[in-house]
């Protein structure tokens, strides 16, 4: 099983980034997909989630209206489009595959929002 995040980096406040999480080794379409983030000294928090077929999404209040989660079941990939980034969005972002029995995690990608 592999979950590989990419797309992180350094961006100025107000900028945008698109994170990707490419997966393999499990039935992607059977798993809800979730993006979490963890800032230094803080607990990991849920950022956005999407159900198996993409019919339902959920967002943390802090990112509503700025972030969009999506998935491509044909490519076994989940995305997080992040717009209007703020310094407080700085964190390591992780993707998580949440199934009934199994739970898989990526290694994380750093997002730094700074001028």
PDB file of N, CA and C in Angstrom:
ATOM      1  N   UNK A   1       0.852  -1.195   0.000  1.00  0.00           N
ATOM      2  CA  UNK A   1       0.000   0.000   0.000  1.00  0.00           C
ATOM      3  C   UNK A   1       0.879   1.233   0.000  1.00  0.00           C
ATOM      4  N   UNK A   2       0.551   2.159  -0.893  1.00  0.00           N
ATOM      5  CA  UNK A   2       1.292   3.420  -0.939  1.00  0.00           C
ATOM      6  C   UNK A   2       0.346   4.593  -1.112  1.00  0.00           C
ATOM      7  N   UNK A   3       0.607   5.647  -0.359  1.00  0.00           N
ATOM      8  CA  UNK A   3      -0.042   6.939  -0.540  1.00  0.00           C
ATOM      9  C   UNK A   3       1.073   7.963  -0.619  1.00  0.00           C
ATOM     10  N   UNK A   4       1.174   8.639  -1.732  1.00  0.00           N
ATOM     11  CA  UNK A   4       2.269   9.569  -1.952  1.00  0.00           C
ATOM     12  C   UNK A   4       1.712  10.957  -2.225  1.00  0.00           C
ATOM     13  N   UNK A   5       1.925  11.855  -1.258  1.00  0.00           N
ATOM     14  CA  UNK A   5       1.486  13.231  -1.425  1.00  0.00           C
ATOM     15  C   UNK A   5       2.520  14.029  -2.204  1.00  0.00           C
ATOM     16  N   UNK A   6       2.039  14.994  -2.943  1.00  0.00           N
ATOM     17  CA  UNK A   6       2.921  15.905  -3.671  1.00  0.00           C
ATOM     18  C   UNK A   6       2.211  17.243  -3.841  1.00  0.00           C
ATOM     19  N   UNK A   7       2.979  18.241  -4.251  1.00  0.00           N
ATOM     20  CA  UNK A   7       2.393  19.550  -4.525  1.00  0.00           C
ATOM     21  C   UNK A   7       2.615  20.585  -3.450  1.00  0.00           C
ATOM     22  N   UNK A   8       3.200  20.192  -2.343  1.00  0.00           N
ATOM     23  CA  UNK A   8       3.481  21.160  -1.300  1.00  0.00           C
ATOM     24  C   UNK A   8       4.629  22.086  -1.684  1.00  0.00           C
ATOM     25  N   UNK A   9       4.846  23.093  -0.834  1.00  0.00           N
ATOM     26  CA  UNK A   9       5.937  24.020  -1.101  1.00  0.00           C
ATOM     27  C   UNK A   9       5.739  25.323  -0.370  1.00  0.00           C
ATOM     28  N   UNK A  10       6.517  26.308  -0.782  1.00  0.00           N
ATOM     29  CA  UNK A  10       6.457  27.650  -0.193  1.00  0.00           C
ATOM     30  C   UNK A  10       5.608  28.543  -1.091  1.00  0.00           C
ATOM     31  N   UNK A  11       4.648  29.233  -0.500  1.00  0.00           N
ATOM     32  CA  UNK A  11       3.775  30.107  -1.256  1.00  0.00           C
ATOM     33  C   UNK A  11       3.504  31.365  -0.437  1.00  0.00           C
ATOM     34  N   UNK A  12       3.302  32.462  -1.124  1.00  0.00           N
ATOM     35  CA  UNK A  12       2.998  33.712  -0.432  1.00  0.00           C
ATOM     36  C   UNK A  12       1.537  33.739   0.026  1.00  0.00           C
ATOM     37  N   UNK A  13       1.246  34.507   1.066  1.00  0.00           N
ATOM     38  CA  UNK A  13      -0.158  34.652   1.475  1.00  0.00           C
ATOM     39  C   UNK A  13      -1.024  35.105   0.306  1.00  0.00           C
ATOM     40  N   UNK A  14      -2.198  34.512   0.216  1.00  0.00           N
ATOM     41  CA  UNK A  14      -3.094  34.790  -0.899  1.00  0.00           C
ATOM     42  C   UNK A  14      -2.889  33.889  -2.096  1.00  0.00           C
ATOM     43  N   UNK A  15      -1.829  33.117  -2.084  1.00  0.00           N
ATOM     44  CA  UNK A  15      -1.535  32.238  -3.202  1.00  0.00           C
ATOM     45  C   UNK A  15      -2.306  30.928  -3.151  1.00  0.00           C
ATOM     46  N   UNK A  16      -1.995  30.067  -4.116  1.00  0.00           N
ATOM     47  CA  UNK A  16      -2.693  28.788  -4.250  1.00  0.00           C
ATOM     48  C   UNK A  16      -1.704  27.649  -4.413  1.00  0.00           C
ATOM     49  N   UNK A  17      -2.128  26.493  -3.978  1.00  0.00           N
ATOM     50  CA  UNK A  17      -1.406  25.245  -4.199  1.00  0.00           C
ATOM     51  C   UNK A  17      -2.428  24.143  -4.443  1.00  0.00           C
ATOM     52  N   UNK A  18      -2.012  23.140  -5.189  1.00  0.00           N
ATOM     53  CA  UNK A  18      -2.852  21.955  -5.384  1.00  0.00           C
ATOM     54  C   UNK A  18      -2.067  20.744  -4.918  1.00  0.00           C
ATOM     55  N   UNK A  19      -2.543  20.110  -3.875  1.00  0.00           N
ATOM     56  CA  UNK A  19      -1.932  18.883  -3.384  1.00  0.00           C
ATOM     57  C   UNK A  19      -2.553  17.681  -4.080  1.00  0.00           C
ATOM     58  N   UNK A  20      -1.727  16.688  -4.312  1.00  0.00           N
ATOM     59  CA  UNK A  20      -2.188  15.420  -4.872  1.00  0.00           C
ATOM     60  C   UNK A  20      -1.756  14.297  -3.948  1.00  0.00           C
ATOM     61  N   UNK A  21      -2.546  13.254  -3.915  1.00  0.00           N
ATOM     62  CA  UNK A  21      -2.194  12.042  -3.175  1.00  0.00           C
ATOM     63  C   UNK A  21      -2.454  10.863  -4.099  1.00  0.00           C
ATOM     64  N   UNK A  22      -1.388  10.332  -4.654  1.00  0.00           N
ATOM     65  CA  UNK A  22      -1.489   9.187  -5.551  1.00  0.00           C
ATOM     66  C   UNK A  22      -1.394   7.915  -4.737  1.00  0.00           C
ATOM     67  N   UNK A  23      -2.315   6.987  -4.970  1.00  0.00           N
ATOM     68  CA  UNK A  23      -2.375   5.789  -4.145  1.00  0.00           C
ATOM     69  C   UNK A  23      -2.240   4.524  -4.981  1.00  0.00           C
ATOM     70  N   UNK A  24      -1.859   3.453  -4.312  1.00  0.00           N
ATOM     71  CA  UNK A  24      -1.789   2.146  -4.958  1.00  0.00           C
ATOM     72  C   UNK A  24      -1.826   1.072  -3.886  1.00  0.00           C
ATOM     73  N   UNK A  25      -2.185  -0.131  -4.307  1.00  0.00           N
ATOM     74  CA  UNK A  25      -2.115  -1.263  -3.394  1.00  0.00           C
ATOM     75  C   UNK A  25      -3.383  -1.561  -2.621  1.00  0.00           C
ATOM     76  N   UNK A  26      -4.432  -0.784  -2.864  1.00  0.00           N
ATOM     77  CA  UNK A  26      -5.714  -1.057  -2.228  1.00  0.00           C
ATOM     78  C   UNK A  26      -6.815  -0.548  -3.151  1.00  0.00           C
ATOM     79  N   UNK A  27      -8.048  -0.906  -2.839  1.00  0.00           N
ATOM     80  CA  UNK A  27      -9.183  -0.527  -3.685  1.00  0.00           C
ATOM     81  C   UNK A  27      -9.598   0.897  -3.341  1.00  0.00           C
ATOM     82  N   UNK A  28      -9.005   1.834  -4.054  1.00  0.00           N
ATOM     83  CA  UNK A  28      -9.168   3.248  -3.749  1.00  0.00           C
ATOM     84  C   UNK A  28     -10.644   3.642  -3.684  1.00  0.00           C
ATOM     85  N   UNK A  29     -11.424   3.144  -4.613  1.00  0.00           N
ATOM     86  CA  UNK A  29     -12.823   3.573  -4.716  1.00  0.00           C
ATOM     87  C   UNK A  29     -13.670   3.126  -3.533  1.00  0.00           C
ATOM     88  N   UNK A  30     -13.131   2.243  -2.713  1.00  0.00           N
ATOM     89  CA  UNK A  30     -13.881   1.751  -1.545  1.00  0.00           C
ATOM     90  C   UNK A  30     -13.563   2.511  -0.268  1.00  0.00           C
ATOM     91  N   UNK A  31     -12.701   3.496  -0.385  1.00  0.00           N
ATOM     92  CA  UNK A  31     -12.250   4.226   0.800  1.00  0.00           C
ATOM     93  C   UNK A  31     -12.668   5.689   0.734  1.00  0.00           C
ATOM     94  N   UNK A  32     -13.197   6.189   1.865  1.00  0.00           N
ATOM     95  CA  UNK A  32     -13.296   7.636   2.019  1.00  0.00           C
ATOM     96  C   UNK A  32     -11.879   8.187   2.090  1.00  0.00           C
ATOM     97  N   UNK A  33     -11.685   9.364   1.548  1.00  0.00           N
ATOM     98  CA  UNK A  33     -10.352   9.975   1.567  1.00  0.00           C
ATOM     99  C   UNK A  33     -10.397  11.275   2.351  1.00  0.00           C
ATOM    100  N   UNK A  34      -9.360  11.463   3.135  1.00  0.00           N
ATOM    101  CA  UNK A  34      -9.338  12.600   4.059  1.00  0.00           C
ATOM    102  C   UNK A  34      -7.971  13.269   3.982  1.00  0.00           C
ATOM    103  N   UNK A  35      -7.970  14.575   3.997  1.00  0.00           N
ATOM    104  CA  UNK A  35      -6.737  15.354   4.168  1.00  0.00           C
ATOM    105  C   UNK A  35      -6.698  15.860   5.610  1.00  0.00           C
ATOM    106  N   UNK A  36      -5.565  15.634   6.256  1.00  0.00           N
ATOM    107  CA  UNK A  36      -5.296  16.173   7.582  1.00  0.00           C
ATOM    108  C   UNK A  36      -4.087  17.107   7.469  1.00  0.00           C
ATOM    109  N   UNK A  37      -3.900  17.888   8.500  1.00  0.00           N
ATOM    110  CA  UNK A  37      -2.682  18.686   8.580  1.00  0.00           C
ATOM    111  C   UNK A  37      -2.241  18.773  10.042  1.00  0.00           C
ATOM    112  N   UNK A  38      -0.947  18.994  10.192  1.00  0.00           N
ATOM    113  CA  UNK A  38      -0.385  19.153  11.527  1.00  0.00           C
ATOM    114  C   UNK A  38       0.661  20.252  11.499  1.00  0.00           C
ATOM    115  N   UNK A  39       0.399  21.283  12.273  1.00  0.00           N
ATOM    116  CA  UNK A  39       1.335  22.392  12.405  1.00  0.00           C
ATOM    117  C   UNK A  39       2.248  22.131  13.596  1.00  0.00           C
ATOM    118  N   UNK A  40       3.421  22.740  13.613  1.00  0.00           N
ATOM    119  CA  UNK A  40       4.348  22.527  14.731  1.00  0.00           C
ATOM    120  C   UNK A  40       3.693  22.848  16.069  1.00  0.00           C
ATOM    121  N   UNK A  41       3.802  21.915  17.003  1.00  0.00           N
ATOM    122  CA  UNK A  41       3.265  22.129  18.334  1.00  0.00           C
ATOM    123  C   UNK A  41       1.774  21.974  18.457  1.00  0.00           C
ATOM    124  N   UNK A  42       1.123  21.570  17.377  1.00  0.00           N
ATOM    125  CA  UNK A  42      -0.334  21.424  17.408  1.00  0.00           C
ATOM    126  C   UNK A  42      -0.732  19.993  17.073  1.00  0.00           C
ATOM    127  N   UNK A  43      -1.970  19.653  17.425  1.00  0.00           N
ATOM    128  CA  UNK A  43      -2.481  18.330  17.103  1.00  0.00           C
ATOM    129  C   UNK A  43      -2.874  18.256  15.626  1.00  0.00           C
ATOM    130  N   UNK A  44      -2.859  17.030  15.123  1.00  0.00           N
ATOM    131  CA  UNK A  44      -3.301  16.825  13.747  1.00  0.00           C
ATOM    132  C   UNK A  44      -4.788  17.135  13.657  1.00  0.00           C
ATOM    133  N   UNK A  45      -5.197  17.832  12.609  1.00  0.00           N
ATOM    134  CA  UNK A  45      -6.594  18.195  12.445  1.00  0.00           C
ATOM    135  C   UNK A  45      -7.106  17.815  11.061  1.00  0.00           C
ATOM    136  N   UNK A  46      -8.376  17.465  11.012  1.00  0.00           N
ATOM    137  CA  UNK A  46      -9.006  17.152   9.731  1.00  0.00           C
ATOM    138  C   UNK A  46      -9.204  18.442   8.948  1.00  0.00           C
ATOM    139  N   UNK A  47      -8.813  18.405   7.691  1.00  0.00           N
ATOM    140  CA  UNK A  47      -8.967  19.564   6.815  1.00  0.00           C
ATOM    141  C   UNK A  47     -10.168  19.391   5.892  1.00  0.00           C
ATOM    142  N   UNK A  48     -10.228  18.245   5.214  1.00  0.00           N
ATOM    143  CA  UNK A  48     -11.302  18.006   4.252  1.00  0.00           C
ATOM    144  C   UNK A  48     -11.452  16.511   4.043  1.00  0.00           C
ATOM    145  N   UNK A  49     -12.675  16.090   3.745  1.00  0.00           N
ATOM    146  CA  UNK A  49     -12.951  14.683   3.520  1.00  0.00           C
ATOM    147  C   UNK A  49     -13.907  14.532   2.351  1.00  0.00           C
ATOM    148  N   UNK A  50     -13.809  13.378   1.677  1.00  0.00           N
ATOM    149  CA  UNK A  50     -14.674  13.100   0.542  1.00  0.00           C
ATOM    150  C   UNK A  50     -15.059  11.632   0.580  1.00  0.00           C
ATOM    151  N   UNK A  51     -16.322  11.347   0.291  1.00  0.00           N
ATOM    152  CA  UNK A  51     -16.789   9.975   0.331  1.00  0.00           C
ATOM    153  C   UNK A  51     -16.325   9.199  -0.904  1.00  0.00           C
ATOM    154  N   UNK A  52     -16.602   7.911  -0.899  1.00  0.00           N
ATOM    155  CA  UNK A  52     -16.036   7.001  -1.890  1.00  0.00           C
ATOM    156  C   UNK A  52     -16.310   7.425  -3.331  1.00  0.00           C
ATOM    157  N   UNK A  53     -17.547   7.810  -3.613  1.00  0.00           N
ATOM    158  CA  UNK A  53     -17.895   8.209  -4.981  1.00  0.00           C
ATOM    159  C   UNK A  53     -17.815   9.713  -5.171  1.00  0.00           C
ATOM    160  N   UNK A  54     -17.389  10.396  -4.153  1.00  0.00           N
ATOM    161  CA  UNK A  54     -17.242  11.843  -4.257  1.00  0.00           C
ATOM    162  C   UNK A  54     -18.522  12.621  -4.085  1.00  0.00           C
ATOM    163  N   UNK A  55     -19.573  11.931  -3.635  1.00  0.00           N
ATOM    164  CA  UNK A  55     -20.851  12.606  -3.538  1.00  0.00           C
ATOM    165  C   UNK A  55     -20.983  13.560  -2.369  1.00  0.00           C
ATOM    166  N   UNK A  56     -20.168  13.341  -1.353  1.00  0.00           N
ATOM    167  CA  UNK A  56     -20.261  14.200  -0.170  1.00  0.00           C
ATOM    168  C   UNK A  56     -18.875  14.650   0.236  1.00  0.00           C
ATOM    169  N   UNK A  57     -18.785  15.900   0.636  1.00  0.00           N
ATOM    170  CA  UNK A  57     -17.532  16.452   1.124  1.00  0.00           C
ATOM    171  C   UNK A  57     -17.768  17.145   2.464  1.00  0.00           C
ATOM    172  N   UNK A  58     -16.698  17.302   3.198  1.00  0.00           N
ATOM    173  CA  UNK A  58     -16.769  17.945   4.506  1.00  0.00           C
ATOM    174  C   UNK A  58     -15.481  18.728   4.705  1.00  0.00           C
ATOM    175  N   UNK A  59     -15.597  19.902   5.318  1.00  0.00           N
ATOM    176  CA  UNK A  59     -14.431  20.766   5.485  1.00  0.00           C
ATOM    177  C   UNK A  59     -14.358  21.307   6.905  1.00  0.00           C
ATOM    178  N   UNK A  60     -13.144  21.528   7.356  1.00  0.00           N
ATOM    179  CA  UNK A  60     -12.953  22.278   8.593  1.00  0.00           C
ATOM    180  C   UNK A  60     -13.441  23.705   8.371  1.00  0.00           C
ATOM    181  N   UNK A  61     -14.002  24.292   9.416  1.00  0.00           N
ATOM    182  CA  UNK A  61     -14.511  25.665   9.295  1.00  0.00           C
ATOM    183  C   UNK A  61     -13.432  26.631   8.822  1.00  0.00           C
ATOM    184  N   UNK A  62     -12.208  26.375   9.226  1.00  0.00           N
ATOM    185  CA  UNK A  62     -11.113  27.292   8.916  1.00  0.00           C
ATOM    186  C   UNK A  62     -10.752  27.322   7.432  1.00  0.00           C
ATOM    187  N   UNK A  63     -11.198  26.325   6.672  1.00  0.00           N
ATOM    188  CA  UNK A  63     -10.830  26.286   5.249  1.00  0.00           C
ATOM    189  C   UNK A  63     -12.035  26.358   4.316  1.00  0.00           C
ATOM    190  N   UNK A  64     -13.228  26.382   4.865  1.00  0.00           N
ATOM    191  CA  UNK A  64     -14.430  26.426   4.022  1.00  0.00           C
ATOM    192  C   UNK A  64     -14.397  27.646   3.118  1.00  0.00           C
ATOM    193  N   UNK A  65     -14.720  27.409   1.860  1.00  0.00           N
ATOM    194  CA  UNK A  65     -14.728  28.488   0.883  1.00  0.00           C
ATOM    195  C   UNK A  65     -13.377  28.757   0.254  1.00  0.00           C
ATOM    196  N   UNK A  66     -12.318  28.169   0.798  1.00  0.00           N
ATOM    197  CA  UNK A  66     -10.973  28.362   0.258  1.00  0.00           C
ATOM    198  C   UNK A  66     -10.371  27.085  -0.300  1.00  0.00           C
ATOM    199  N   UNK A  67     -10.685  25.957   0.302  1.00  0.00           N
ATOM    200  CA  UNK A  67     -10.125  24.664  -0.104  1.00  0.00           C
ATOM    201  C   UNK A  67     -11.212  23.818  -0.753  1.00  0.00           C
ATOM    202  N   UNK A  68     -10.801  23.002  -1.704  1.00  0.00           N
ATOM    203  CA  UNK A  68     -11.722  22.069  -2.361  1.00  0.00           C
ATOM    204  C   UNK A  68     -11.066  20.707  -2.477  1.00  0.00           C
ATOM    205  N   UNK A  69     -11.741  19.699  -1.968  1.00  0.00           N
ATOM    206  CA  UNK A  69     -11.256  18.325  -2.095  1.00  0.00           C
ATOM    207  C   UNK A  69     -11.975  17.659  -3.260  1.00  0.00           C
ATOM    208  N   UNK A  70     -11.234  16.839  -4.003  1.00  0.00           N
ATOM    209  CA  UNK A  70     -11.837  16.098  -5.109  1.00  0.00           C
ATOM    210  C   UNK A  70     -11.072  14.794  -5.265  1.00  0.00           C
ATOM    211  N   UNK A  71     -11.636  13.891  -6.031  1.00  0.00           N
ATOM    212  CA  UNK A  71     -10.975  12.609  -6.254  1.00  0.00           C
ATOM    213  C   UNK A  71     -11.237  12.141  -7.671  1.00  0.00           C
ATOM    214  N   UNK A  72     -10.300  11.338  -8.164  1.00  0.00           N
ATOM    215  CA  UNK A  72     -10.435  10.699  -9.471  1.00  0.00           C
ATOM    216  C   UNK A  72     -10.252   9.209  -9.245  1.00  0.00           C
ATOM    217  N   UNK A  73     -11.333   8.487  -9.195  1.00  0.00           N
ATOM    218  CA  UNK A  73     -11.246   7.054  -8.902  1.00  0.00           C
ATOM    219  C   UNK A  73     -10.571   6.275 -10.031  1.00  0.00           C
ATOM    220  N   UNK A  74     -10.570   6.810 -11.229  1.00  0.00           N
ATOM    221  CA  UNK A  74      -9.880   6.148 -12.337  1.00  0.00           C
ATOM    222  C   UNK A  74      -8.365   6.266 -12.188  1.00  0.00           C
ATOM    223  N   UNK A  75      -7.919   7.316 -11.522  1.00  0.00           N
ATOM    224  CA  UNK A  75      -6.484   7.535 -11.335  1.00  0.00           C
ATOM    225  C   UNK A  75      -6.030   7.206  -9.917  1.00  0.00           C
ATOM    226  N   UNK A  76      -6.965   6.761  -9.068  1.00  0.00           N
ATOM    227  CA  UNK A  76      -6.632   6.422  -7.679  1.00  0.00           C
ATOM    228  C   UNK A  76      -5.948   7.583  -6.963  1.00  0.00           C
ATOM    229  N   UNK A  77      -6.459   8.771  -7.188  1.00  0.00           N
ATOM    230  CA  UNK A  77      -5.816   9.975  -6.676  1.00  0.00           C
ATOM    231  C   UNK A  77      -6.852  10.909  -6.057  1.00  0.00           C
ATOM    232  N   UNK A  78      -6.445  11.525  -4.953  1.00  0.00           N
ATOM    233  CA  UNK A  78      -7.268  12.547  -4.308  1.00  0.00           C
ATOM    234  C   UNK A  78      -6.489  13.858  -4.343  1.00  0.00           C
ATOM    235  N   UNK A  79      -7.225  14.949  -4.453  1.00  0.00           N
ATOM    236  CA  UNK A  79      -6.619  16.269  -4.593  1.00  0.00           C
ATOM    237  C   UNK A  79      -7.128  17.217  -3.510  1.00  0.00           C
ATOM    238  N   UNK A  80      -6.331  18.227  -3.241  1.00  0.00           N
ATOM    239  CA  UNK A  80      -6.779  19.309  -2.374  1.00  0.00           C
ATOM    240  C   UNK A  80      -6.335  20.622  -3.021  1.00  0.00           C
ATOM    241  N   UNK A  81      -7.308  21.337  -3.558  1.00  0.00           N
ATOM    242  CA  UNK A  81      -7.037  22.653  -4.128  1.00  0.00           C
ATOM    243  C   UNK A  81      -7.138  23.674  -3.010  1.00  0.00           C
ATOM    244  N   UNK A  82      -6.063  24.410  -2.799  1.00  0.00           N
ATOM    245  CA  UNK A  82      -6.004  25.373  -1.703  1.00  0.00           C
ATOM    246  C   UNK A  82      -5.804  26.771  -2.283  1.00  0.00           C
ATOM    247  N   UNK A  83      -6.780  27.621  -2.073  1.00  0.00           N
ATOM    248  CA  UNK A  83      -6.734  29.000  -2.549  1.00  0.00           C
ATOM    249  C   UNK A  83      -6.721  29.962  -1.370  1.00  0.00           C
ATOM    250  N   UNK A  84      -6.363  31.198  -1.654  1.00  0.00           N
ATOM    251  CA  UNK A  84      -6.344  32.243  -0.621  1.00  0.00           C
ATOM    252  C   UNK A  84      -5.622  31.780   0.632  1.00  0.00           C
ATOM    253  N   UNK A  85      -4.454  31.220   0.435  1.00  0.00           N
ATOM    254  CA  UNK A  85      -3.706  30.635   1.555  1.00  0.00           C
ATOM    255  C   UNK A  85      -3.285  31.693   2.554  1.00  0.00           C
ATOM    256  N   UNK A  86      -3.280  31.284   3.811  1.00  0.00           N
ATOM    257  CA  UNK A  86      -2.927  32.153   4.928  1.00  0.00           C
ATOM    258  C   UNK A  86      -1.728  31.553   5.667  1.00  0.00           C
ATOM    259  N   UNK A  87      -0.975  32.378   6.384  1.00  0.00           N
ATOM    260  CA  UNK A  87       0.148  31.834   7.164  1.00  0.00           C
ATOM    261  C   UNK A  87      -0.290  30.726   8.123  1.00  0.00           C
ATOM    262  N   UNK A  88      -1.480  30.806   8.641  1.00  0.00           N
ATOM    263  CA  UNK A  88      -1.949  29.766   9.564  1.00  0.00           C
ATOM    264  C   UNK A  88      -2.273  28.442   8.873  1.00  0.00           C
ATOM    265  N   UNK A  89      -2.213  28.415   7.560  1.00  0.00           N
ATOM    266  CA  UNK A  89      -2.358  27.147   6.838  1.00  0.00           C
ATOM    267  C   UNK A  89      -1.037  26.376   6.775  1.00  0.00           C
ATOM    268  N   UNK A  90       0.027  26.970   7.264  1.00  0.00           N
ATOM    269  CA  UNK A  90       1.329  26.307   7.267  1.00  0.00           C
ATOM    270  C   UNK A  90       1.280  25.048   8.124  1.00  0.00           C
ATOM    271  N   UNK A  91       1.641  23.925   7.528  1.00  0.00           N
ATOM    272  CA  UNK A  91       1.571  22.632   8.221  1.00  0.00           C
ATOM    273  C   UNK A  91       2.102  21.549   7.287  1.00  0.00           C
ATOM    274  N   UNK A  92       2.265  20.369   7.851  1.00  0.00           N
ATOM    275  CA  UNK A  92       2.464  19.181   7.032  1.00  0.00           C
ATOM    276  C   UNK A  92       1.077  18.611   6.743  1.00  0.00           C
ATOM    277  N   UNK A  93       0.805  18.374   5.475  1.00  0.00           N
ATOM    278  CA  UNK A  93      -0.489  17.870   5.036  1.00  0.00           C
ATOM    279  C   UNK A  93      -0.365  16.383   4.709  1.00  0.00           C
ATOM    280  N   UNK A  94      -1.291  15.611   5.265  1.00  0.00           N
ATOM    281  CA  UNK A  94      -1.295  14.166   5.095  1.00  0.00           C
ATOM    282  C   UNK A  94      -2.591  13.713   4.431  1.00  0.00           C
ATOM    283  N   UNK A  95      -2.499  12.725   3.575  1.00  0.00           N
ATOM    284  CA  UNK A  95      -3.730  12.115   3.090  1.00  0.00           C
ATOM    285  C   UNK A  95      -3.938  10.792   3.807  1.00  0.00           C
ATOM    286  N   UNK A  96      -5.187  10.472   4.000  1.00  0.00           N
ATOM    287  CA  UNK A  96      -5.595   9.300   4.756  1.00  0.00           C
ATOM    288  C   UNK A  96      -6.696   8.572   3.996  1.00  0.00           C
ATOM    289  N   UNK A  97      -6.538   7.270   3.874  1.00  0.00           N
ATOM    290  CA  UNK A  97      -7.581   6.425   3.284  1.00  0.00           C
ATOM    291  C   UNK A  97      -8.292   5.721   4.423  1.00  0.00           C
ATOM    292  N   UNK A  98      -9.554   6.027   4.590  1.00  0.00           N
ATOM    293  CA  UNK A  98     -10.310   5.521   5.729  1.00  0.00           C
ATOM    294  C   UNK A  98     -11.309   4.471   5.251  1.00  0.00           C
ATOM    295  N   UNK A  99     -11.042   3.210   5.608  1.00  0.00           N
ATOM    296  CA  UNK A  99     -11.937   2.133   5.247  1.00  0.00           C
ATOM    297  C   UNK A  99     -12.603   1.552   6.472  1.00  0.00           C
ATOM    298  N   UNK A 100     -13.465   0.555   6.256  1.00  0.00           N
ATOM    299  CA  UNK A 100     -14.176  -0.051   7.379  1.00  0.00           C
ATOM    300  C   UNK A 100     -13.210  -0.776   8.299  1.00  0.00           C
ATOM    301  N   UNK A 101     -12.222  -1.424   7.724  1.00  0.00           N
ATOM    302  CA  UNK A 101     -11.300  -2.212   8.532  1.00  0.00           C
ATOM    303  C   UNK A 101      -9.898  -1.635   8.557  1.00  0.00           C
ATOM    304  N   UNK A 102      -9.523  -0.945   7.508  1.00  0.00           N
ATOM    305  CA  UNK A 102      -8.145  -0.511   7.370  1.00  0.00           C
ATOM    306  C   UNK A 102      -8.057   1.010   7.203  1.00  0.00           C
ATOM    307  N   UNK A 103      -6.911   1.505   7.598  1.00  0.00           N
ATOM    308  CA  UNK A 103      -6.661   2.936   7.612  1.00  0.00           C
ATOM    309  C   UNK A 103      -5.233   3.119   7.112  1.00  0.00           C
ATOM    310  N   UNK A 104      -5.068   3.877   6.025  1.00  0.00           N
ATOM    311  CA  UNK A 104      -3.734   4.045   5.454  1.00  0.00           C
ATOM    312  C   UNK A 104      -3.366   5.525   5.432  1.00  0.00           C
ATOM    313  N   UNK A 105      -2.054   5.788   5.582  1.00  0.00           N
ATOM    314  CA  UNK A 105      -1.566   7.160   5.640  1.00  0.00           C
ATOM    315  C   UNK A 105      -0.404   7.376   4.686  1.00  0.00           C
ATOM    316  N   UNK A 106      -0.337   8.595   4.171  1.00  0.00           N
ATOM    317  CA  UNK A 106       0.835   9.006   3.411  1.00  0.00           C
ATOM    318  C   UNK A 106       1.893   9.570   4.348  1.00  0.00           C
ATOM    319  N   UNK A 107       3.026   9.956   3.752  1.00  0.00           N
ATOM    320  CA  UNK A 107       4.154  10.438   4.544  1.00  0.00           C
ATOM    321  C   UNK A 107       4.086  11.936   4.798  1.00  0.00           C
ATOM    322  N   UNK A 108       3.198  12.625   4.091  1.00  0.00           N
ATOM    323  CA  UNK A 108       3.001  14.051   4.309  1.00  0.00           C
ATOM    324  C   UNK A 108       3.789  14.919   3.341  1.00  0.00           C
ATOM    325  N   UNK A 109       3.276  16.110   3.127  1.00  0.00           N
ATOM    326  CA  UNK A 109       3.954  17.108   2.300  1.00  0.00           C
ATOM    327  C   UNK A 109       3.861  18.461   3.019  1.00  0.00           C
ATOM    328  N   UNK A 110       4.970  19.173   3.027  1.00  0.00           N
ATOM    329  CA  UNK A 110       5.038  20.438   3.760  1.00  0.00           C
ATOM    330  C   UNK A 110       4.442  21.569   2.931  1.00  0.00           C
ATOM    331  N   UNK A 111       3.573  22.328   3.569  1.00  0.00           N
ATOM    332  CA  UNK A 111       3.040  23.560   2.976  1.00  0.00           C
ATOM    333  C   UNK A 111       3.441  24.709   3.890  1.00  0.00           C
ATOM    334  N   UNK A 112       4.124  25.683   3.319  1.00  0.00           N
ATOM    335  CA  UNK A 112       4.556  26.851   4.079  1.00  0.00           C
ATOM    336  C   UNK A 112       4.013  28.103   3.398  1.00  0.00           C
ATOM    337  N   UNK A 113       3.261  28.887   4.149  1.00  0.00           N
ATOM    338  CA  UNK A 113       2.687  30.121   3.620  1.00  0.00           C
ATOM    339  C   UNK A 113       3.381  31.292   4.315  1.00  0.00           C
ATOM    340  N   UNK A 114       4.185  31.996   3.561  1.00  0.00           N
ATOM    341  CA  UNK A 114       4.992  33.059   4.150  1.00  0.00           C
ATOM    342  C   UNK A 114       5.412  34.047   3.073  1.00  0.00           C
ATOM    343  N   UNK A 115       5.535  35.301   3.475  1.00  0.00           N
ATOM    344  CA  UNK A 115       6.037  36.313   2.549  1.00  0.00           C
ATOM    345  C   UNK A 115       7.548  36.480   2.710  1.00  0.00           C
TER     346      UNK A 115
END
